mmCIF file of all heavy atoms, coordinates in Angstrom:
data_MODEL
# 
_entry.id   MODEL 
# 
loop_
_atom_site.group_PDB 
_atom_site.id 
_atom_site.type_symbol 
_atom_site.label_atom_id 
_atom_site.label_alt_id 
_atom_site.label_comp_id 
_atom_site.label_asym_id 
_atom_site.label_entity_id 
_atom_site.label_seq_id 
_atom_site.pdbx_PDB_ins_code 
_atom_site.Cartn_x 
_atom_site.Cartn_y 
_atom_site.Cartn_z 
_atom_site.occupancy 
_atom_site.B_iso_or_equiv 
_atom_site.pdbx_formal_charge 
_atom_site.auth_seq_id 
_atom_site.auth_comp_id 
_atom_site.auth_asym_id 
_atom_site.auth_atom_id 
_atom_site.pdbx_PDB_model_num 
ATOM 1   N N   . LEU A 1 1  ? 0.796   -6.128  7.670  1.00 0.00 ? 1  LEU A N   1 
ATOM 2   C CA  . LEU A 1 1  ? 2.048   -6.684  8.118  1.00 0.00 ? 1  LEU A CA  1 
ATOM 3   C C   . LEU A 1 1  ? 3.133   -5.611  8.110  1.00 0.00 ? 1  LEU A C   1 
ATOM 4   O O   . LEU A 1 1  ? 3.179   -4.777  7.197  1.00 0.00 ? 1  LEU A O   1 
ATOM 5   C CB  . LEU A 1 1  ? 2.522   -7.809  7.210  1.00 0.00 ? 1  LEU A CB  1 
ATOM 6   C CG  . LEU A 1 1  ? 1.599   -9.124  7.219  1.00 0.00 ? 1  LEU A CG  1 
ATOM 7   C CD1 . LEU A 1 1  ? 2.057   -10.052 6.128  1.00 0.00 ? 1  LEU A CD1 1 
ATOM 8   C CD2 . LEU A 1 1  ? 1.504   -9.731  8.565  1.00 0.00 ? 1  LEU A CD2 1 
ATOM 9   N N   . PRO A 1 2  ? 3.998   -5.553  9.118  1.00 0.00 ? 2  PRO A N   1 
ATOM 10  C CA  . PRO A 1 2  ? 4.990   -4.400  9.254  1.00 0.00 ? 2  PRO A CA  1 
ATOM 11  C C   . PRO A 1 2  ? 5.803   -4.197  7.956  1.00 0.00 ? 2  PRO A C   1 
ATOM 12  O O   . PRO A 1 2  ? 5.917   -3.054  7.557  1.00 0.00 ? 2  PRO A O   1 
ATOM 13  C CB  . PRO A 1 2  ? 5.875   -4.896  10.422 1.00 0.00 ? 2  PRO A CB  1 
ATOM 14  C CG  . PRO A 1 2  ? 4.969   -5.718  11.272 1.00 0.00 ? 2  PRO A CG  1 
ATOM 15  C CD  . PRO A 1 2  ? 4.066   -6.447  10.289 1.00 0.00 ? 2  PRO A CD  1 
ATOM 16  N N   . GLY A 1 3  ? 6.327   -5.249  7.350  1.00 0.00 ? 3  GLY A N   1 
ATOM 17  C CA  . GLY A 1 3  ? 7.104   -5.054  6.087  1.00 0.00 ? 3  GLY A CA  1 
ATOM 18  C C   . GLY A 1 3  ? 6.323   -4.430  5.031  1.00 0.00 ? 3  GLY A C   1 
ATOM 19  O O   . GLY A 1 3  ? 6.778   -3.494  4.326  1.00 0.00 ? 3  GLY A O   1 
ATOM 20  N N   . ALA A 1 4  ? 5.093   -4.967  4.731  1.00 0.00 ? 4  ALA A N   1 
ATOM 21  C CA  . ALA A 1 4  ? 4.272   -4.420  3.630  1.00 0.00 ? 4  ALA A CA  1 
ATOM 22  C C   . ALA A 1 4  ? 3.785   -3.008  3.957  1.00 0.00 ? 4  ALA A C   1 
ATOM 23  O O   . ALA A 1 4  ? 3.711   -2.173  3.034  1.00 0.00 ? 4  ALA A O   1 
ATOM 24  C CB  . ALA A 1 4  ? 3.059   -5.335  3.403  1.00 0.00 ? 4  ALA A CB  1 
ATOM 25  N N   . TYR A 1 5  ? 3.430   -2.771  5.213  1.00 0.00 ? 5  TYR A N   1 
ATOM 26  C CA  . TYR A 1 5  ? 2.972   -1.448  5.611  1.00 0.00 ? 5  TYR A CA  1 
ATOM 27  C C   . TYR A 1 5  ? 4.000   -0.404  5.379  1.00 0.00 ? 5  TYR A C   1 
ATOM 28  O O   . TYR A 1 5  ? 3.803   0.692   4.782  1.00 0.00 ? 5  TYR A O   1 
ATOM 29  C CB  . TYR A 1 5  ? 2.476   -1.436  7.006  1.00 0.00 ? 5  TYR A CB  1 
ATOM 30  C CG  . TYR A 1 5  ? 1.595   -0.282  7.414  1.00 0.00 ? 5  TYR A CG  1 
ATOM 31  C CD1 . TYR A 1 5  ? 0.153   -0.364  7.400  1.00 0.00 ? 5  TYR A CD1 1 
ATOM 32  C CD2 . TYR A 1 5  ? 2.168   0.941   7.748  1.00 0.00 ? 5  TYR A CD2 1 
ATOM 33  C CE1 . TYR A 1 5  ? -0.582  0.670   7.721  1.00 0.00 ? 5  TYR A CE1 1 
ATOM 34  C CE2 . TYR A 1 5  ? 1.397   2.044   8.093  1.00 0.00 ? 5  TYR A CE2 1 
ATOM 35  C CZ  . TYR A 1 5  ? -0.006  1.899   8.090  1.00 0.00 ? 5  TYR A CZ  1 
ATOM 36  O OH  . TYR A 1 5  ? -0.809  2.948   8.352  1.00 0.00 ? 5  TYR A OH  1 
ATOM 37  N N   . ASP A 1 6  ? 5.253   -0.653  5.881  1.00 0.00 ? 6  ASP A N   1 
ATOM 38  C CA  . ASP A 1 6  ? 6.301   0.330   5.707  1.00 0.00 ? 6  ASP A CA  1 
ATOM 39  C C   . ASP A 1 6  ? 6.686   0.492   4.278  1.00 0.00 ? 6  ASP A C   1 
ATOM 40  O O   . ASP A 1 6  ? 7.085   1.618   3.857  1.00 0.00 ? 6  ASP A O   1 
ATOM 41  C CB  . ASP A 1 6  ? 7.500   -0.130  6.573  1.00 0.00 ? 6  ASP A CB  1 
ATOM 42  C CG  . ASP A 1 6  ? 7.334   0.156   8.067  1.00 0.00 ? 6  ASP A CG  1 
ATOM 43  O OD1 . ASP A 1 6  ? 6.668   1.166   8.357  1.00 0.00 ? 6  ASP A OD1 1 
ATOM 44  O OD2 . ASP A 1 6  ? 7.886   -0.615  8.866  1.00 0.00 ? 6  ASP A OD2 1 
ATOM 45  N N   . LEU A 1 7  ? 6.631   -0.631  3.477  1.00 0.00 ? 7  LEU A N   1 
ATOM 46  C CA  . LEU A 1 7  ? 6.934   -0.453  2.060  1.00 0.00 ? 7  LEU A CA  1 
ATOM 47  C C   . LEU A 1 7  ? 5.920   0.522   1.431  1.00 0.00 ? 7  LEU A C   1 
ATOM 48  O O   . LEU A 1 7  ? 6.374   1.375   0.565  1.00 0.00 ? 7  LEU A O   1 
ATOM 49  C CB  . LEU A 1 7  ? 6.816   -1.829  1.391  1.00 0.00 ? 7  LEU A CB  1 
ATOM 50  C CG  . LEU A 1 7  ? 6.949   -1.859  -0.126 1.00 0.00 ? 7  LEU A CG  1 
ATOM 51  C CD1 . LEU A 1 7  ? 8.368   -1.400  -0.554 1.00 0.00 ? 7  LEU A CD1 1 
ATOM 52  C CD2 . LEU A 1 7  ? 6.659   -3.258  -0.694 1.00 0.00 ? 7  LEU A CD2 1 
ATOM 53  N N   . ALA A 1 8  ? 4.645   0.395   1.749  1.00 0.00 ? 8  ALA A N   1 
ATOM 54  C CA  . ALA A 1 8  ? 3.650   1.312   1.184  1.00 0.00 ? 8  ALA A CA  1 
ATOM 55  C C   . ALA A 1 8  ? 3.897   2.759   1.618  1.00 0.00 ? 8  ALA A C   1 
ATOM 56  O O   . ALA A 1 8  ? 3.647   3.722   0.863  1.00 0.00 ? 8  ALA A O   1 
ATOM 57  C CB  . ALA A 1 8  ? 2.246   0.902   1.586  1.00 0.00 ? 8  ALA A CB  1 
ATOM 58  N N   . MET A 1 9  ? 4.385   2.968   2.847  1.00 0.00 ? 9  MET A N   1 
ATOM 59  C CA  . MET A 1 9  ? 4.629   4.355   3.334  1.00 0.00 ? 9  MET A CA  1 
ATOM 60  C C   . MET A 1 9  ? 5.921   4.925   2.702  1.00 0.00 ? 9  MET A C   1 
ATOM 61  O O   . MET A 1 9  ? 5.936   6.086   2.496  1.00 0.00 ? 9  MET A O   1 
ATOM 62  C CB  . MET A 1 9  ? 4.764   4.278   4.845  1.00 0.00 ? 9  MET A CB  1 
ATOM 63  C CG  . MET A 1 9  ? 3.513   3.814   5.581  1.00 0.00 ? 9  MET A CG  1 
ATOM 64  S SD  . MET A 1 9  ? 1.972   4.718   5.104  1.00 0.00 ? 9  MET A SD  1 
ATOM 65  C CE  . MET A 1 9  ? 2.348   6.384   5.693  1.00 0.00 ? 9  MET A CE  1 
ATOM 66  N N   . PHE A 1 10 ? 6.911   4.089   2.430  1.00 0.00 ? 10 PHE A N   1 
ATOM 67  C CA  . PHE A 1 10 ? 8.128   4.614   1.846  1.00 0.00 ? 10 PHE A CA  1 
ATOM 68  C C   . PHE A 1 10 ? 8.024   4.836   0.350  1.00 0.00 ? 10 PHE A C   1 
ATOM 69  O O   . PHE A 1 10 ? 8.703   5.704   -0.227 1.00 0.00 ? 10 PHE A O   1 
ATOM 70  C CB  . PHE A 1 10 ? 9.296   3.630   2.104  1.00 0.00 ? 10 PHE A CB  1 
ATOM 71  C CG  . PHE A 1 10 ? 9.633   3.470   3.551  1.00 0.00 ? 10 PHE A CG  1 
ATOM 72  C CD1 . PHE A 1 10 ? 10.030  2.227   4.049  1.00 0.00 ? 10 PHE A CD1 1 
ATOM 73  C CD2 . PHE A 1 10 ? 9.598   4.515   4.416  1.00 0.00 ? 10 PHE A CD2 1 
ATOM 74  C CE1 . PHE A 1 10 ? 10.323  2.049   5.357  1.00 0.00 ? 10 PHE A CE1 1 
ATOM 75  C CE2 . PHE A 1 10 ? 9.917   4.363   5.789  1.00 0.00 ? 10 PHE A CE2 1 
ATOM 76  C CZ  . PHE A 1 10 ? 10.267  3.123   6.216  1.00 0.00 ? 10 PHE A CZ  1 
ATOM 77  N N   . ASP A 1 11 ? 7.164   4.081   -0.325 1.00 0.00 ? 11 ASP A N   1 
ATOM 78  C CA  . ASP A 1 11 ? 7.068   4.143   -1.787 1.00 0.00 ? 11 ASP A CA  1 
ATOM 79  C C   . ASP A 1 11 ? 5.627   4.507   -2.146 1.00 0.00 ? 11 ASP A C   1 
ATOM 80  O O   . ASP A 1 11 ? 4.704   3.716   -1.912 1.00 0.00 ? 11 ASP A O   1 
ATOM 81  C CB  . ASP A 1 11 ? 7.491   2.806   -2.423 1.00 0.00 ? 11 ASP A CB  1 
ATOM 82  C CG  . ASP A 1 11 ? 7.638   2.835   -3.969 1.00 0.00 ? 11 ASP A CG  1 
ATOM 83  O OD1 . ASP A 1 11 ? 6.718   3.527   -4.545 1.00 0.00 ? 11 ASP A OD1 1 
ATOM 84  O OD2 . ASP A 1 11 ? 8.605   2.336   -4.477 1.00 0.00 ? 11 ASP A OD2 1 
ATOM 85  N N   . HIS A 1 12 ? 5.409   5.660   -2.729 1.00 0.00 ? 12 HIS A N   1 
ATOM 86  C CA  . HIS A 1 12 ? 4.087   6.211   -3.025 1.00 0.00 ? 12 HIS A CA  1 
ATOM 87  C C   . HIS A 1 12 ? 3.340   5.294   -4.021 1.00 0.00 ? 12 HIS A C   1 
ATOM 88  O O   . HIS A 1 12 ? 2.110   5.150   -3.975 1.00 0.00 ? 12 HIS A O   1 
ATOM 89  C CB  . HIS A 1 12 ? 4.123   7.633   -3.557 1.00 0.00 ? 12 HIS A CB  1 
ATOM 90  C CG  . HIS A 1 12 ? 2.766   8.271   -3.748 1.00 0.00 ? 12 HIS A CG  1 
ATOM 91  N ND1 . HIS A 1 12 ? 1.979   8.572   -2.701 1.00 0.00 ? 12 HIS A ND1 1 
ATOM 92  C CD2 . HIS A 1 12 ? 2.052   8.571   -4.850 1.00 0.00 ? 12 HIS A CD2 1 
ATOM 93  C CE1 . HIS A 1 12 ? 0.851   9.112   -3.116 1.00 0.00 ? 12 HIS A CE1 1 
ATOM 94  N NE2 . HIS A 1 12 ? 0.887   9.097   -4.409 1.00 0.00 ? 12 HIS A NE2 1 
ATOM 95  N N   . ASP A 1 13 ? 4.041   4.674   -4.947 1.00 0.00 ? 13 ASP A N   1 
ATOM 96  C CA  . ASP A 1 13 ? 3.391   3.835   -5.953 1.00 0.00 ? 13 ASP A CA  1 
ATOM 97  C C   . ASP A 1 13 ? 2.712   2.610   -5.255 1.00 0.00 ? 13 ASP A C   1 
ATOM 98  O O   . ASP A 1 13 ? 1.581   2.188   -5.590 1.00 0.00 ? 13 ASP A O   1 
ATOM 99  C CB  . ASP A 1 13 ? 4.399   3.325   -6.998 1.00 0.00 ? 13 ASP A CB  1 
ATOM 100 C CG  . ASP A 1 13 ? 4.807   4.437   -7.921 1.00 0.00 ? 13 ASP A CG  1 
ATOM 101 O OD1 . ASP A 1 13 ? 4.106   5.484   -8.030 1.00 0.00 ? 13 ASP A OD1 1 
ATOM 102 O OD2 . ASP A 1 13 ? 5.940   4.338   -8.541 1.00 0.00 ? 13 ASP A OD2 1 
ATOM 103 N N   . TYR A 1 14 ? 3.451   2.052   -4.313 1.00 0.00 ? 14 TYR A N   1 
ATOM 104 C CA  . TYR A 1 14 ? 2.869   0.933   -3.521 1.00 0.00 ? 14 TYR A CA  1 
ATOM 105 C C   . TYR A 1 14 ? 1.706   1.437   -2.667 1.00 0.00 ? 14 TYR A C   1 
ATOM 106 O O   . TYR A 1 14 ? 0.762   0.704   -2.426 1.00 0.00 ? 14 TYR A O   1 
ATOM 107 C CB  . TYR A 1 14 ? 3.910   0.278   -2.614 1.00 0.00 ? 14 TYR A CB  1 
ATOM 108 C CG  . TYR A 1 14 ? 4.805   -0.683  -3.394 1.00 0.00 ? 14 TYR A CG  1 
ATOM 109 C CD1 . TYR A 1 14 ? 6.139   -0.269  -3.667 1.00 0.00 ? 14 TYR A CD1 1 
ATOM 110 C CD2 . TYR A 1 14 ? 4.381   -1.882  -3.822 1.00 0.00 ? 14 TYR A CD2 1 
ATOM 111 C CE1 . TYR A 1 14 ? 6.988   -1.105  -4.417 1.00 0.00 ? 14 TYR A CE1 1 
ATOM 112 C CE2 . TYR A 1 14 ? 5.254   -2.745  -4.532 1.00 0.00 ? 14 TYR A CE2 1 
ATOM 113 C CZ  . TYR A 1 14 ? 6.538   -2.324  -4.810 1.00 0.00 ? 14 TYR A CZ  1 
ATOM 114 O OH  . TYR A 1 14 ? 7.368   -3.189  -5.515 1.00 0.00 ? 14 TYR A OH  1 
ATOM 115 N N   . HIS A 1 15 ? 1.771   2.614   -2.196 1.00 0.00 ? 15 HIS A N   1 
ATOM 116 C CA  . HIS A 1 15 ? 0.717   3.239   -1.424 1.00 0.00 ? 15 HIS A CA  1 
ATOM 117 C C   . HIS A 1 15 ? -0.590  3.385   -2.186 1.00 0.00 ? 15 HIS A C   1 
ATOM 118 O O   . HIS A 1 15 ? -1.701  3.044   -1.744 1.00 0.00 ? 15 HIS A O   1 
ATOM 119 C CB  . HIS A 1 15 ? 1.072   4.575   -0.818 1.00 0.00 ? 15 HIS A CB  1 
ATOM 120 C CG  . HIS A 1 15 ? 0.308   5.009   0.351  1.00 0.00 ? 15 HIS A CG  1 
ATOM 121 N ND1 . HIS A 1 15 ? 0.672   6.066   1.146  1.00 0.00 ? 15 HIS A ND1 1 
ATOM 122 C CD2 . HIS A 1 15 ? -0.751  4.476   0.934  1.00 0.00 ? 15 HIS A CD2 1 
ATOM 123 C CE1 . HIS A 1 15 ? -0.149  6.230   2.164  1.00 0.00 ? 15 HIS A CE1 1 
ATOM 124 N NE2 . HIS A 1 15 ? -1.109  5.256   2.078  1.00 0.00 ? 15 HIS A NE2 1 
ATOM 125 N N   . VAL A 1 16 ? -0.433  3.846   -3.438 1.00 0.00 ? 16 VAL A N   1 
ATOM 126 C CA  . VAL A 1 16 ? -1.573  3.928   -4.359 1.00 0.00 ? 16 VAL A CA  1 
ATOM 127 C C   . VAL A 1 16 ? -2.141  2.529   -4.608 1.00 0.00 ? 16 VAL A C   1 
ATOM 128 O O   . VAL A 1 16 ? -3.374  2.359   -4.601 1.00 0.00 ? 16 VAL A O   1 
ATOM 129 C CB  . VAL A 1 16 ? -1.180  4.654   -5.660 1.00 0.00 ? 16 VAL A CB  1 
ATOM 130 C CG1 . VAL A 1 16 ? -2.268  4.540   -6.706 1.00 0.00 ? 16 VAL A CG1 1 
ATOM 131 C CG2 . VAL A 1 16 ? -0.796  6.062   -5.408 1.00 0.00 ? 16 VAL A CG2 1 
ATOM 132 N N   . LEU A 1 17 ? -1.296  1.548   -4.869 1.00 0.00 ? 17 LEU A N   1 
ATOM 133 C CA  . LEU A 1 17 ? -1.765  0.195   -5.134 1.00 0.00 ? 17 LEU A CA  1 
ATOM 134 C C   . LEU A 1 17 ? -2.524  -0.307  -3.873 1.00 0.00 ? 17 LEU A C   1 
ATOM 135 O O   . LEU A 1 17 ? -3.613  -0.967  -4.011 1.00 0.00 ? 17 LEU A O   1 
ATOM 136 C CB  . LEU A 1 17 ? -0.551  -0.705  -5.377 1.00 0.00 ? 17 LEU A CB  1 
ATOM 137 C CG  . LEU A 1 17 ? -0.895  -2.225  -5.545 1.00 0.00 ? 17 LEU A CG  1 
ATOM 138 C CD1 . LEU A 1 17 ? -1.815  -2.469  -6.695 1.00 0.00 ? 17 LEU A CD1 1 
ATOM 139 C CD2 . LEU A 1 17 ? 0.399   -3.042  -5.651 1.00 0.00 ? 17 LEU A CD2 1 
ATOM 140 N N   . GLU A 1 18 ? -2.015  -0.046  -2.671 1.00 0.00 ? 18 GLU A N   1 
ATOM 141 C CA  . GLU A 1 18 ? -2.709  -0.453  -1.424 1.00 0.00 ? 18 GLU A CA  1 
ATOM 142 C C   . GLU A 1 18 ? -4.152  0.082   -1.389 1.00 0.00 ? 18 GLU A C   1 
ATOM 143 O O   . GLU A 1 18 ? -5.074  -0.657  -1.135 1.00 0.00 ? 18 GLU A O   1 
ATOM 144 C CB  . GLU A 1 18 ? -1.903  0.030   -0.255 1.00 0.00 ? 18 GLU A CB  1 
ATOM 145 C CG  . GLU A 1 18 ? -2.533  -0.299  1.070  1.00 0.00 ? 18 GLU A CG  1 
ATOM 146 C CD  . GLU A 1 18 ? -1.912  0.447   2.212  1.00 0.00 ? 18 GLU A CD  1 
ATOM 147 O OE1 . GLU A 1 18 ? -1.681  1.698   2.063  1.00 0.00 ? 18 GLU A OE1 1 
ATOM 148 O OE2 . GLU A 1 18 ? -1.732  -0.155  3.262  1.00 0.00 ? 18 GLU A OE2 1 
ATOM 149 N N   . HIS A 1 19 ? -4.283  1.382   -1.634 1.00 0.00 ? 19 HIS A N   1 
ATOM 150 C CA  . HIS A 1 19 ? -5.608  2.000   -1.557 1.00 0.00 ? 19 HIS A CA  1 
ATOM 151 C C   . HIS A 1 19 ? -6.550  1.478   -2.665 1.00 0.00 ? 19 HIS A C   1 
ATOM 152 O O   . HIS A 1 19 ? -7.748  1.280   -2.365 1.00 0.00 ? 19 HIS A O   1 
ATOM 153 C CB  . HIS A 1 19 ? -5.482  3.541   -1.655 1.00 0.00 ? 19 HIS A CB  1 
ATOM 154 C CG  . HIS A 1 19 ? -5.007  4.142   -0.405 1.00 0.00 ? 19 HIS A CG  1 
ATOM 155 N ND1 . HIS A 1 19 ? -4.833  5.491   -0.196 1.00 0.00 ? 19 HIS A ND1 1 
ATOM 156 C CD2 . HIS A 1 19 ? -4.702  3.615   0.841  1.00 0.00 ? 19 HIS A CD2 1 
ATOM 157 C CE1 . HIS A 1 19 ? -4.407  5.781   0.984  1.00 0.00 ? 19 HIS A CE1 1 
ATOM 158 N NE2 . HIS A 1 19 ? -4.337  4.614   1.649  1.00 0.00 ? 19 HIS A NE2 1 
ATOM 159 N N   . VAL A 1 20 ? -6.043  1.253   -3.839 1.00 0.00 ? 20 VAL A N   1 
ATOM 160 C CA  . VAL A 1 20 ? -6.866  0.729   -4.894 1.00 0.00 ? 20 VAL A CA  1 
ATOM 161 C C   . VAL A 1 20 ? -7.380  -0.679  -4.560 1.00 0.00 ? 20 VAL A C   1 
ATOM 162 O O   . VAL A 1 20 ? -8.567  -1.041  -4.721 1.00 0.00 ? 20 VAL A O   1 
ATOM 163 C CB  . VAL A 1 20 ? -6.105  0.680   -6.272 1.00 0.00 ? 20 VAL A CB  1 
ATOM 164 C CG1 . VAL A 1 20 ? -6.862  -0.134  -7.296 1.00 0.00 ? 20 VAL A CG1 1 
ATOM 165 C CG2 . VAL A 1 20 ? -5.865  2.098   -6.750 1.00 0.00 ? 20 VAL A CG2 1 
ATOM 166 N N   . LEU A 1 21 ? -6.469  -1.472  -4.007 1.00 0.00 ? 21 LEU A N   1 
ATOM 167 C CA  . LEU A 1 21 ? -6.883  -2.874  -3.594 1.00 0.00 ? 21 LEU A CA  1 
ATOM 168 C C   . LEU A 1 21 ? -7.866  -2.818  -2.443 1.00 0.00 ? 21 LEU A C   1 
ATOM 169 O O   . LEU A 1 21 ? -8.781  -3.581  -2.369 1.00 0.00 ? 21 LEU A O   1 
ATOM 170 C CB  . LEU A 1 21 ? -5.657  -3.685  -3.180 1.00 0.00 ? 21 LEU A CB  1 
ATOM 171 C CG  . LEU A 1 21 ? -4.776  -4.159  -4.298 1.00 0.00 ? 21 LEU A CG  1 
ATOM 172 C CD1 . LEU A 1 21 ? -3.490  -4.835  -3.770 1.00 0.00 ? 21 LEU A CD1 1 
ATOM 173 C CD2 . LEU A 1 21 ? -5.534  -5.139  -5.223 1.00 0.00 ? 21 LEU A CD2 1 
ATOM 174 N N   . PHE A 1 22 ? -7.699  -1.911  -1.492 1.00 0.00 ? 22 PHE A N   1 
ATOM 175 C CA  . PHE A 1 22 ? -8.633  -1.748  -0.399 1.00 0.00 ? 22 PHE A CA  1 
ATOM 176 C C   . PHE A 1 22 ? -10.019 -1.432  -0.888 1.00 0.00 ? 22 PHE A C   1 
ATOM 177 O O   . PHE A 1 22 ? -11.016 -2.084  -0.507 1.00 0.00 ? 22 PHE A O   1 
ATOM 178 C CB  . PHE A 1 22 ? -8.162  -0.621  0.599  1.00 0.00 ? 22 PHE A CB  1 
ATOM 179 C CG  . PHE A 1 22 ? -7.155  -1.091  1.610  1.00 0.00 ? 22 PHE A CG  1 
ATOM 180 C CD1 . PHE A 1 22 ? -6.357  -0.130  2.272  1.00 0.00 ? 22 PHE A CD1 1 
ATOM 181 C CD2 . PHE A 1 22 ? -6.992  -2.423  1.883  1.00 0.00 ? 22 PHE A CD2 1 
ATOM 182 C CE1 . PHE A 1 22 ? -5.432  -0.583  3.201  1.00 0.00 ? 22 PHE A CE1 1 
ATOM 183 C CE2 . PHE A 1 22 ? -6.048  -2.882  2.853  1.00 0.00 ? 22 PHE A CE2 1 
ATOM 184 C CZ  . PHE A 1 22 ? -5.281  -1.936  3.519  1.00 0.00 ? 22 PHE A CZ  1 
ATOM 185 N N   . MET A 1 23 ? -10.137 -0.445  -1.792 1.00 0.00 ? 23 MET A N   1 
ATOM 186 C CA  . MET A 1 23 ? -11.466 -0.015  -2.263 1.00 0.00 ? 23 MET A CA  1 
ATOM 187 C C   . MET A 1 23 ? -12.087 -1.057  -3.188 1.00 0.00 ? 23 MET A C   1 
ATOM 188 O O   . MET A 1 23 ? -13.276 -1.363  -3.039 1.00 0.00 ? 23 MET A O   1 
ATOM 189 C CB  . MET A 1 23 ? -11.334 1.356   -2.972 1.00 0.00 ? 23 MET A CB  1 
ATOM 190 C CG  . MET A 1 23 ? -11.067 2.521   -2.045 1.00 0.00 ? 23 MET A CG  1 
ATOM 191 S SD  . MET A 1 23 ? -11.125 4.134   -2.851 1.00 0.00 ? 23 MET A SD  1 
ATOM 192 C CE  . MET A 1 23 ? -9.557  4.135   -3.706 1.00 0.00 ? 23 MET A CE  1 
ATOM 193 N N   . GLY A 1 24 ? -11.257 -1.636  -4.057 1.00 0.00 ? 24 GLY A N   1 
ATOM 194 C CA  . GLY A 1 24 ? -11.821 -2.650  -4.965 1.00 0.00 ? 24 GLY A CA  1 
ATOM 195 C C   . GLY A 1 24 ? -12.264 -3.914  -4.236 1.00 0.00 ? 24 GLY A C   1 
ATOM 196 O O   . GLY A 1 24 ? -13.385 -4.381  -4.434 1.00 0.00 ? 24 GLY A O   1 
ATOM 197 N N   . SER A 1 25 ? -11.424 -4.399  -3.302 1.00 0.00 ? 25 SER A N   1 
ATOM 198 C CA  . SER A 1 25 ? -11.835 -5.627  -2.532 1.00 0.00 ? 25 SER A CA  1 
ATOM 199 C C   . SER A 1 25 ? -13.052 -5.339  -1.672 1.00 0.00 ? 25 SER A C   1 
ATOM 200 O O   . SER A 1 25 ? -13.848 -6.219  -1.419 1.00 0.00 ? 25 SER A O   1 
ATOM 201 C CB  . SER A 1 25 ? -10.683 -6.131  -1.742 1.00 0.00 ? 25 SER A CB  1 
ATOM 202 O OG  . SER A 1 25 ? -10.243 -5.155  -0.765 1.00 0.00 ? 25 SER A OG  1 
# 
């Protein structure tokens, strides 16, 4: 979703969380 995607790009901590969730799920 645009809001969540841009949040992950602007904030590295959210970006790390995104990748961890991708790999774990």
